[in-house]
Amino acid sequence: MSSVVAALMFPALFILIFLGVPISFSLIIPAVFAGLYAFGPAVFDQLYGGLYTAATNYILSAIPMFVLMGAILERSGIAGRLFRTMQLWLGRLPGGLAVATIAMGATFAAAAGVVGAVEVMVGLMAIPAMQRFRYNNSLIAGTICAGGSLGTMIPPSVVAVVYASLAQISVGELFAAMLFPGLIMVGLFIIYIVGMCILRPELGPPADDDDMRLPIGEKLKITARGLVPTMLLIFAVLGSLMTGIASPTEAAAVGAAGALVLCICYGQFSIPMMRQSLAITVRISAMILLIVAGGIMFTGIFAANGGSRLIQALTSDMGLGVAGTMVFFLVIVFLLGFVLDWTANVLICVPLFLPFLTGAGIDPIWFGTMMIIVIQSSYLTPPMASSIFYLLSIAPPDMKYAQICKGVIPFILMQFVTLAIVAAFPMVATWLPTKVVGF
């Protein structure tokens, strides 16, 4: 009977989500009722353990600092300087403004680590610029959604921090594992954009105005002011983490402090700006950490009702083998990505999959890299794609839902190509972590 209760927890979760209940409470409510069956009134002591685990997890304490780092860069106008620098150097290529948007998404993803923030910020700057040069709406939409989704794949990614804390692996090593696949994905995006705009110039004509024709010396000055300081900050954060100089929390704190210093140096610091950045940080961090607490409660009660045995029995009965079971797990992650926030997706799936991965001798860093690629792909995939809804919230009236769906499909295919490369050649993800010393 307990296994039946465990199996019913997932339908209850999805019903609550479709009814509009916040994801954190959608996780907690089934955990309470299933826990009452398993433990009786003592369930509340068990559930408190999930809340305490989330509140005292040292690795998760890096999340607010990474969020604050991105919020300061966004609110202070530093992101606008970055985008102008990208435009100056890339705008005159076929599809150059779309390439600049992808480059901006990758750069800001490395500074922010939060998906929604990257997409909205990039979209607000890139849509007017590309529409001014008559870019195709589908290309604009696909580019912004794809560039914004890089907040999942480009370190420091908050998704990776949560995965590493659950899988009990080094955050620095997981960041290192994601680096090459992330660069491959960015490269594929750019190759697609340039190739399509060469074949069909009307999709993304080269941008040619006074800014693009500035002398090289002037462009270098703008680059030195707008790009170099931010890139040095990103290298300081990732370098200190991957080489073991700093723990995840220390590296995140360095990033937040560095972003504040840049803000002051650019003359953009103000009390209202800082108040807005802190408010965004508190709101996003509270949301993520409450979902983490709810996910720990959900998976703990699911396991107590025999859920882990249920998953093991299901996978063994299917007779898929190790490779087949990994594919099955990734398909589950992809499907859950349609209805669950990425945090809940990771929190539910990792504890359920980890016993099998450990028993089969599968490298959790390799699997984690593939899982994060799949989460990013589900984030883009219609009809329930979070990225599409983020874009619709800021899109002009002439940009329609159908155009956005058409625009994201080629970028989803590029993500699956990246997944295939990592699956076929594990060294793409596992080589660099062996060369760095993380915490």
Protein backbone atom coordinates (compact mmCIF):
# COMPACT_ATOMS: atom_id res chain seq x y z
CA MET A 1 0.00 0.00 0.00
CA SER A 2 2.84 2.41 0.78
CA SER A 3 4.16 2.07 -2.80
CA VAL A 4 0.71 3.09 -4.06
CA VAL A 5 0.88 6.21 -1.87
CA ALA A 6 4.33 6.98 -3.32
CA ALA A 7 3.04 6.53 -6.87
CA LEU A 8 0.10 8.88 -6.19
CA MET A 9 2.40 11.68 -5.05
CA PHE A 10 3.32 12.61 -8.62
CA PRO A 11 -0.24 12.91 -9.97
CA ALA A 12 -1.07 15.02 -6.90
CA LEU A 13 1.95 17.23 -7.63
CA PHE A 14 0.94 17.83 -11.24
CA ILE A 15 -2.71 18.48 -10.37
CA LEU A 16 -1.67 21.16 -7.88
CA ILE A 17 0.67 22.77 -10.43
CA PHE A 18 -2.05 22.86 -13.10
CA LEU A 19 -4.41 24.42 -10.53
CA GLY A 20 -1.93 27.27 -10.18
CA VAL A 21 -0.52 26.41 -6.76
CA PRO A 22 3.10 27.67 -6.41
CA ILE A 23 5.61 24.89 -7.09
CA SER A 24 7.08 24.96 -3.58
CA PHE A 25 3.65 24.32 -2.01
CA SER A 26 2.77 21.82 -4.74
CA LEU A 27 5.74 19.81 -3.48
CA ILE A 28 5.05 20.28 0.22
CA ILE A 29 1.30 19.44 0.25
CA PRO A 30 1.61 15.88 -1.19
CA ALA A 31 4.61 15.34 1.12
CA VAL A 32 2.48 16.23 4.15
CA PHE A 33 -0.37 13.86 3.29
CA ALA A 34 1.88 10.99 2.19
CA GLY A 35 4.00 11.57 5.28
CA LEU A 36 0.95 11.32 7.55
CA TYR A 37 0.38 7.84 6.09
CA ALA A 38 4.01 6.81 6.69
CA PHE A 39 4.75 8.50 10.04
CA GLY A 40 1.50 9.78 11.50
CA PRO A 41 1.75 13.05 13.45
CA ALA A 42 5.53 12.62 13.64
CA VAL A 43 5.70 13.58 9.96
CA PHE A 44 6.13 17.24 10.88
CA ASP A 45 9.41 16.42 12.62
CA GLN A 46 10.51 14.67 9.42
CA LEU A 47 9.46 17.60 7.23
CA TYR A 48 11.28 20.06 9.46
CA GLY A 49 14.44 18.11 8.64
CA GLY A 50 13.99 19.05 4.95
CA LEU A 51 13.64 22.71 5.82
CA TYR A 52 16.68 22.55 8.11
CA THR A 53 18.75 20.79 5.43
CA ALA A 54 18.00 23.51 2.88
CA ALA A 55 18.68 26.30 5.37
CA THR A 56 22.05 24.91 6.51
CA ASN A 57 23.45 23.63 3.20
CA TYR A 58 26.74 25.48 2.75
CA ILE A 59 26.82 25.07 -1.04
CA LEU A 60 23.32 26.52 -1.47
CA SER A 61 24.40 29.67 0.35
CA ALA A 62 26.21 30.62 -2.88
CA ILE A 63 22.88 31.15 -4.66
CA PRO A 64 21.96 34.57 -3.17
CA MET A 65 25.42 35.97 -3.98
CA PHE A 66 25.31 34.78 -7.60
CA VAL A 67 21.82 36.27 -7.94
CA LEU A 68 22.99 39.57 -6.41
CA MET A 69 25.96 39.67 -8.78
CA GLY A 70 23.65 39.39 -11.80
CA ALA A 71 21.11 41.85 -10.38
CA ILE A 72 23.74 44.54 -9.85
CA LEU A 73 25.15 44.10 -13.36
CA GLU A 74 21.65 44.27 -14.84
CA ARG A 75 20.33 47.23 -12.85
CA SER A 76 23.49 49.33 -13.07
CA GLY A 77 23.55 49.50 -16.88
CA ILE A 78 26.76 47.46 -17.19
CA ALA A 79 24.86 44.92 -19.28
CA GLY A 80 23.97 47.68 -21.75
CA ARG A 81 27.65 48.52 -22.18
CA LEU A 82 28.37 44.85 -22.88
CA PHE A 83 25.70 44.66 -25.57
CA ARG A 84 26.93 47.80 -27.32
CA THR A 85 30.46 46.36 -27.38
CA MET A 86 29.19 43.10 -28.93
CA GLN A 87 27.23 45.06 -31.53
CA LEU A 88 30.25 47.13 -32.57
CA TRP A 89 32.37 44.08 -33.38
CA LEU A 90 29.74 41.65 -34.68
CA GLY A 91 26.95 43.79 -36.13
CA ARG A 92 28.27 43.93 -39.71
CA LEU A 93 28.34 40.12 -40.08
CA PRO A 94 25.40 38.34 -41.74
CA GLY A 95 22.98 38.04 -38.85
CA GLY A 96 25.51 40.00 -36.82
CA LEU A 97 23.09 41.47 -34.30
CA ALA A 98 21.71 37.97 -33.60
CA VAL A 99 25.29 36.72 -33.12
CA ALA A 100 25.90 39.65 -30.75
CA THR A 101 22.76 38.66 -28.85
CA ILE A 102 24.02 35.09 -28.42
CA ALA A 103 27.43 36.37 -27.33
CA MET A 104 25.74 38.76 -24.90
CA GLY A 105 23.58 35.93 -23.54
CA ALA A 106 26.64 33.75 -22.95
CA THR A 107 28.58 36.57 -21.29
CA PHE A 108 25.75 37.67 -19.06
CA ALA A 109 24.89 34.03 -18.25
CA ALA A 110 28.42 33.70 -16.90
CA ALA A 111 27.79 36.78 -14.77
CA ALA A 112 24.24 36.08 -13.61
CA GLY A 113 23.60 32.33 -13.57
CA VAL A 114 19.81 32.86 -13.48
CA VAL A 115 17.89 31.97 -16.64
CA GLY A 116 14.87 34.30 -16.56
CA ALA A 117 16.95 37.36 -15.67
CA VAL A 118 19.31 36.77 -18.61
CA GLU A 119 16.53 36.37 -21.16
CA VAL A 120 14.48 39.40 -20.11
CA MET A 121 17.53 41.65 -19.89
CA VAL A 122 18.93 40.54 -23.27
CA GLY A 123 15.49 40.72 -24.90
CA LEU A 124 14.80 44.29 -23.79
CA MET A 125 18.02 45.46 -25.44
CA ALA A 126 18.15 43.16 -28.49
CA ILE A 127 14.57 43.29 -29.83
CA PRO A 128 14.59 47.04 -30.70
CA ALA A 129 18.10 46.79 -32.18
CA MET A 130 17.24 43.84 -34.45
CA GLN A 131 13.83 45.16 -35.50
CA ARG A 132 15.44 48.47 -36.49
CA PHE A 133 17.43 46.55 -39.12
CA ARG A 134 14.36 44.50 -40.21
CA TYR A 135 15.41 41.14 -38.79
CA ASN A 136 12.91 38.30 -39.16
CA ASN A 137 10.75 37.98 -36.04
CA SER A 138 11.26 34.21 -35.79
CA LEU A 139 15.04 34.65 -35.85
CA ILE A 140 14.81 37.42 -33.24
CA ALA A 141 12.65 35.25 -30.97
CA GLY A 142 14.73 32.09 -31.35
CA THR A 143 17.96 33.98 -30.76
CA ILE A 144 16.74 35.67 -27.57
CA CYS A 145 15.22 32.48 -26.14
CA ALA A 146 18.38 30.50 -26.95
CA GLY A 147 20.71 33.20 -25.62
CA GLY A 148 18.66 33.55 -22.45
CA SER A 149 18.62 29.80 -21.86
CA LEU A 150 22.42 29.80 -21.66
CA GLY A 151 22.02 30.84 -18.02
CA THR A 152 21.40 27.12 -17.42
CA MET A 153 24.49 25.85 -19.24
CA ILE A 154 27.20 28.49 -18.85
CA PRO A 155 28.85 28.45 -15.40
CA PRO A 156 28.30 29.75 -12.79
CA SER A 157 24.83 28.22 -13.17
CA VAL A 158 22.47 28.08 -10.19
CA VAL A 159 21.11 24.81 -11.62
CA ALA A 160 24.58 23.29 -11.30
CA VAL A 161 24.93 24.50 -7.71
CA VAL A 162 21.69 22.75 -6.72
CA TYR A 163 22.62 19.55 -8.63
CA ALA A 164 26.08 19.41 -7.04
CA SER A 165 24.66 19.88 -3.54
CA LEU A 166 22.25 16.96 -4.05
CA ALA A 167 24.74 14.66 -5.79
CA GLN A 168 27.45 15.55 -3.23
CA ILE A 169 30.00 16.38 -5.90
CA SER A 170 32.31 19.35 -6.36
CA VAL A 171 30.61 22.48 -7.70
CA GLY A 172 33.91 23.57 -9.25
CA GLU A 173 34.30 20.28 -11.10
CA LEU A 174 30.72 20.42 -12.41
CA PHE A 175 31.28 23.99 -13.61
CA ALA A 176 34.44 22.80 -15.37
CA ALA A 177 32.51 19.91 -16.95
CA MET A 178 29.88 22.30 -18.31
CA LEU A 179 32.39 24.72 -19.83
CA PHE A 180 33.28 22.91 -23.09
CA PRO A 181 29.70 21.72 -23.83
CA GLY A 182 28.50 25.27 -23.18
CA LEU A 183 31.05 26.68 -25.64
CA ILE A 184 30.14 24.01 -28.20
CA MET A 185 26.48 24.98 -27.88
CA VAL A 186 27.25 28.69 -28.32
CA GLY A 187 29.39 27.85 -31.36
CA LEU A 188 26.58 25.80 -32.93
CA PHE A 189 24.10 28.63 -32.34
CA ILE A 190 26.42 31.12 -34.06
CA ILE A 191 27.17 28.79 -36.99
CA TYR A 192 23.45 28.28 -37.56
CA ILE A 193 22.68 32.02 -37.44
CA VAL A 194 25.49 33.05 -39.78
CA GLY A 195 24.81 30.14 -42.17
CA MET A 196 21.08 30.89 -42.43
CA CYS A 197 21.70 34.61 -42.91
CA ILE A 198 24.21 33.92 -45.70
CA LEU A 199 21.70 31.63 -47.45
CA ARG A 200 18.77 33.95 -46.77
CA PRO A 201 20.07 37.50 -46.18
CA GLU A 202 16.57 38.86 -45.58
CA LEU A 203 16.41 36.95 -42.26
CA GLY A 204 19.20 39.01 -40.68
CA PRO A 205 20.87 41.64 -42.87
CA PRO A 206 24.20 43.10 -41.74
CA ALA A 207 23.82 46.18 -39.56
CA ASP A 208 25.56 49.19 -41.04
CA ASP A 209 25.27 52.56 -39.31
CA ASP A 210 27.60 55.19 -37.85
CA ASP A 211 28.33 53.12 -34.72
CA MET A 212 29.41 50.10 -36.76
CA ARG A 213 31.79 52.26 -38.81
CA LEU A 214 33.70 53.69 -35.86
CA PRO A 215 37.53 53.59 -36.18
CA ILE A 216 39.29 50.57 -34.70
CA GLY A 217 40.89 52.72 -32.02
CA GLU A 218 37.52 54.01 -30.82
CA LYS A 219 36.09 50.47 -30.82
CA LEU A 220 39.03 49.27 -28.71
CA LYS A 221 38.42 52.06 -26.19
CA ILE A 222 34.73 51.14 -25.89
CA THR A 223 35.68 47.47 -25.53
CA ALA A 224 38.22 48.25 -22.82
CA ARG A 225 35.58 50.15 -20.86
CA GLY A 226 32.56 47.96 -21.54
CA LEU A 227 33.78 44.38 -21.89
CA VAL A 228 37.19 43.83 -20.32
CA PRO A 229 36.30 44.66 -16.66
CA THR A 230 33.26 42.38 -16.69
CA MET A 231 35.20 39.53 -18.32
CA LEU A 232 37.95 39.91 -15.69
CA LEU A 233 35.27 39.64 -13.00
CA ILE A 234 33.87 36.46 -14.58
CA PHE A 235 37.34 34.92 -14.89
CA ALA A 236 38.08 35.80 -11.27
CA VAL A 237 34.91 34.07 -10.07
CA LEU A 238 35.22 30.93 -12.21
CA GLY A 239 39.01 30.74 -11.94
CA SER A 240 39.04 30.96 -8.15
CA LEU A 241 36.36 28.28 -7.96
CA MET A 242 37.80 25.81 -10.47
CA THR A 243 41.36 26.05 -9.15
CA GLY A 244 40.27 25.57 -5.55
CA ILE A 245 41.33 29.01 -4.35
CA ALA A 246 37.78 29.74 -3.16
CA SER A 247 34.74 27.71 -2.15
CA PRO A 248 31.47 28.24 -4.11
CA THR A 249 30.15 30.66 -1.50
CA GLU A 250 33.42 32.61 -1.37
CA ALA A 251 33.62 32.81 -5.17
CA ALA A 252 30.00 34.02 -5.33
CA ALA A 253 30.74 36.67 -2.70
CA VAL A 254 33.77 37.81 -4.73
CA GLY A 255 31.50 38.11 -7.77
CA ALA A 256 28.89 40.18 -5.92
CA ALA A 257 31.56 42.45 -4.42
CA GLY A 258 33.28 42.80 -7.81
CA ALA A 259 29.99 43.70 -9.50
CA LEU A 260 29.43 46.40 -6.86
CA VAL A 261 32.95 47.78 -7.42
CA LEU A 262 32.34 47.90 -11.20
CA CYS A 263 29.05 49.66 -10.58
CA ILE A 264 30.79 52.31 -8.48
CA CYS A 265 33.65 52.72 -11.00
CA TYR A 266 31.17 53.27 -13.83
CA GLY A 267 29.40 55.92 -11.75
CA GLN A 268 26.14 53.95 -11.75
CA PHE A 269 25.81 53.31 -8.01
CA SER A 270 22.77 54.72 -6.25
CA ILE A 271 20.68 53.80 -3.24
CA PRO A 272 17.53 53.07 -5.35
CA MET A 273 19.58 50.84 -7.69
CA MET A 274 21.01 48.92 -4.73
CA ARG A 275 17.59 48.62 -3.11
CA GLN A 276 16.14 47.16 -6.32
CA SER A 277 19.04 44.70 -6.67
CA LEU A 278 18.66 43.51 -3.09
CA ALA A 279 14.89 43.17 -3.50
CA ILE A 280 15.35 41.03 -6.63
CA THR A 281 17.96 38.92 -4.82
CA VAL A 282 15.73 38.29 -1.81
CA ARG A 283 12.73 37.40 -3.98
CA ILE A 284 14.56 35.01 -6.33
CA SER A 285 16.67 33.41 -3.58
CA ALA A 286 13.65 32.88 -1.32
CA MET A 287 11.75 31.28 -4.21
CA ILE A 288 14.62 28.94 -5.10
CA LEU A 289 15.41 27.93 -1.51
CA LEU A 290 11.74 27.30 -0.62
CA ILE A 291 11.48 25.06 -3.69
CA VAL A 292 14.67 23.32 -2.53
CA ALA A 293 13.13 22.74 0.92
CA GLY A 294 9.89 21.48 -0.65
CA GLY A 295 11.81 19.19 -2.99
CA ILE A 296 13.79 17.67 -0.13
CA MET A 297 10.53 17.06 1.78
CA PHE A 298 8.87 15.53 -1.30
CA THR A 299 11.69 13.16 -2.20
CA GLY A 300 12.29 12.18 1.44
CA ILE A 301 8.63 11.18 1.97
CA PHE A 302 8.54 9.53 -1.46
CA ALA A 303 11.51 7.36 -0.46
CA ALA A 304 9.97 6.61 2.96
CA ASN A 305 6.88 5.24 1.21
CA GLY A 306 9.00 2.92 -0.93
CA GLY A 307 9.34 5.20 -3.92
CA SER A 308 13.01 4.35 -4.51
CA ARG A 309 12.20 0.64 -4.63
CA LEU A 310 9.36 1.45 -7.02
CA ILE A 311 11.72 3.27 -9.40
CA GLN A 312 14.31 0.48 -9.21
CA ALA A 313 11.67 -2.17 -9.89
CA LEU A 314 10.31 -0.18 -12.82
CA THR A 315 13.72 0.27 -14.46
CA SER A 316 14.74 -3.37 -13.91
CA ASP A 317 11.43 -4.68 -15.28
CA MET A 318 11.88 -2.61 -18.44
CA GLY A 319 15.19 -4.36 -19.12
CA LEU A 320 16.75 -1.32 -20.77
CA GLY A 321 20.33 -1.84 -19.60
CA VAL A 322 22.57 0.93 -18.34
CA ALA A 323 22.53 3.06 -21.50
CA GLY A 324 18.82 2.59 -22.04
CA THR A 325 18.04 3.50 -18.45
CA MET A 326 20.11 6.69 -18.72
CA VAL A 327 18.15 7.66 -21.84
CA PHE A 328 14.92 6.86 -19.98
CA PHE A 329 15.98 9.11 -17.08
CA LEU A 330 16.84 11.97 -19.45
CA VAL A 331 13.46 11.62 -21.19
CA ILE A 332 11.76 11.90 -17.79
CA VAL A 333 13.76 15.06 -17.04
CA PHE A 334 12.78 16.49 -20.44
CA LEU A 335 9.07 15.77 -19.93
CA LEU A 336 9.06 17.10 -16.37
CA GLY A 337 10.68 20.27 -17.72
CA PHE A 338 7.37 21.13 -19.42
CA VAL A 339 5.52 21.47 -16.12
CA LEU A 340 8.15 21.90 -13.41
CA ASP A 341 10.52 24.71 -12.55
CA TRP A 342 14.13 23.63 -13.14
CA THR A 343 14.76 23.64 -9.39
CA ALA A 344 11.93 21.20 -8.69
CA ASN A 345 13.01 19.08 -11.68
CA VAL A 346 16.53 18.67 -10.30
CA LEU A 347 15.34 18.17 -6.72
CA ILE A 348 12.92 15.39 -7.66
CA CYS A 349 15.03 13.56 -10.24
CA VAL A 350 18.55 13.57 -8.77
CA PRO A 351 17.72 11.75 -5.49
CA LEU A 352 15.65 9.20 -7.44
CA PHE A 353 18.27 8.56 -10.12
CA LEU A 354 21.40 8.75 -7.96
CA PRO A 355 21.23 5.22 -6.42
CA PHE A 356 21.07 3.67 -9.89
CA LEU A 357 23.86 5.90 -11.25
CA THR A 358 26.10 5.09 -8.28
CA GLY A 359 25.40 1.36 -8.55
CA ALA A 360 26.08 1.33 -12.28
CA GLY A 361 29.36 3.24 -11.86
CA ILE A 362 28.18 6.19 -13.99
CA ASP A 363 30.10 9.42 -13.46
CA PRO A 364 27.61 11.82 -11.80
CA ILE A 365 29.45 14.80 -13.33
CA TRP A 366 29.00 13.41 -16.86
CA PHE A 367 25.34 12.57 -16.24
CA GLY A 368 24.81 15.94 -14.55
CA THR A 369 26.14 17.76 -17.63
CA MET A 370 23.75 15.86 -19.89
CA MET A 371 20.86 16.41 -17.48
CA ILE A 372 21.47 20.17 -17.45
CA ILE A 373 21.52 20.24 -21.29
CA VAL A 374 18.16 18.41 -21.30
CA ILE A 375 16.70 20.84 -18.74
CA GLN A 376 17.83 23.73 -20.95
CA SER A 377 16.21 22.07 -23.98
CA SER A 378 12.89 21.55 -22.17
CA TYR A 379 13.06 25.20 -21.13
CA LEU A 380 12.91 26.10 -24.85
CA THR A 381 10.56 23.42 -26.19
CA PRO A 382 6.94 24.43 -27.05
CA PRO A 383 4.14 24.39 -26.10
CA MET A 384 4.89 24.83 -22.36
CA ALA A 385 8.32 26.46 -22.67
CA SER A 386 9.19 28.89 -19.89
CA SER A 387 11.47 30.83 -22.24
CA ILE A 388 8.60 31.53 -24.64
CA PHE A 389 6.43 32.92 -21.85
CA TYR A 390 9.30 35.09 -20.61
CA LEU A 391 9.72 36.49 -24.12
CA LEU A 392 5.99 37.05 -24.62
CA SER A 393 6.00 39.22 -21.49
CA ILE A 394 8.35 41.72 -23.17
CA ALA A 395 7.71 41.10 -26.89
CA PRO A 396 6.22 43.81 -29.15
CA PRO A 397 2.66 43.24 -30.46
CA ASP A 398 3.86 42.17 -33.91
CA MET A 399 5.81 39.20 -32.49
CA LYS A 400 3.37 36.30 -32.33
CA TYR A 401 3.43 33.03 -30.37
CA ALA A 402 3.64 30.96 -33.59
CA GLN A 403 6.68 32.96 -34.76
CA ILE A 404 8.43 32.37 -31.45
CA CYS A 405 7.75 28.61 -31.58
CA LYS A 406 9.09 28.46 -35.15
CA GLY A 407 12.17 30.42 -34.15
CA VAL A 408 13.23 28.23 -31.22
CA ILE A 409 13.08 24.87 -33.03
CA PRO A 410 16.50 25.12 -34.81
CA PHE A 411 18.15 26.08 -31.51
CA ILE A 412 16.55 23.11 -29.75
CA LEU A 413 18.08 20.89 -32.45
CA MET A 414 21.49 22.47 -31.79
CA GLN A 415 21.08 21.66 -28.09
CA PHE A 416 20.34 18.03 -28.91
CA VAL A 417 23.43 17.93 -31.14
CA THR A 418 25.44 19.15 -28.12
CA LEU A 419 23.82 16.43 -25.99
CA ALA A 420 24.73 13.79 -28.57
CA ILE A 421 28.35 15.00 -28.61
CA VAL A 422 28.62 14.83 -24.80
CA ALA A 423 26.93 11.40 -24.73
CA ALA A 424 29.15 9.97 -27.48
CA PHE A 425 32.37 11.58 -26.21
CA PRO A 426 32.23 11.78 -22.38
CA MET A 427 35.71 13.33 -22.29
CA VAL A 428 34.15 16.58 -23.55
CA ALA A 429 32.65 16.89 -20.07
CA THR A 430 35.01 14.83 -17.92
CA TRP A 431 38.48 15.92 -19.11
CA LEU A 432 38.61 19.46 -17.72
CA PRO A 433 37.42 18.52 -14.19
CA THR A 434 40.44 16.24 -13.88
CA LYS A 435 42.71 19.23 -14.54
CA VAL A 436 41.24 21.56 -11.93
CA VAL A 437 40.96 21.36 -8.17
CA GLY A 438 37.50 22.35 -6.97
CA PHE A 439 35.73 22.18 -3.65
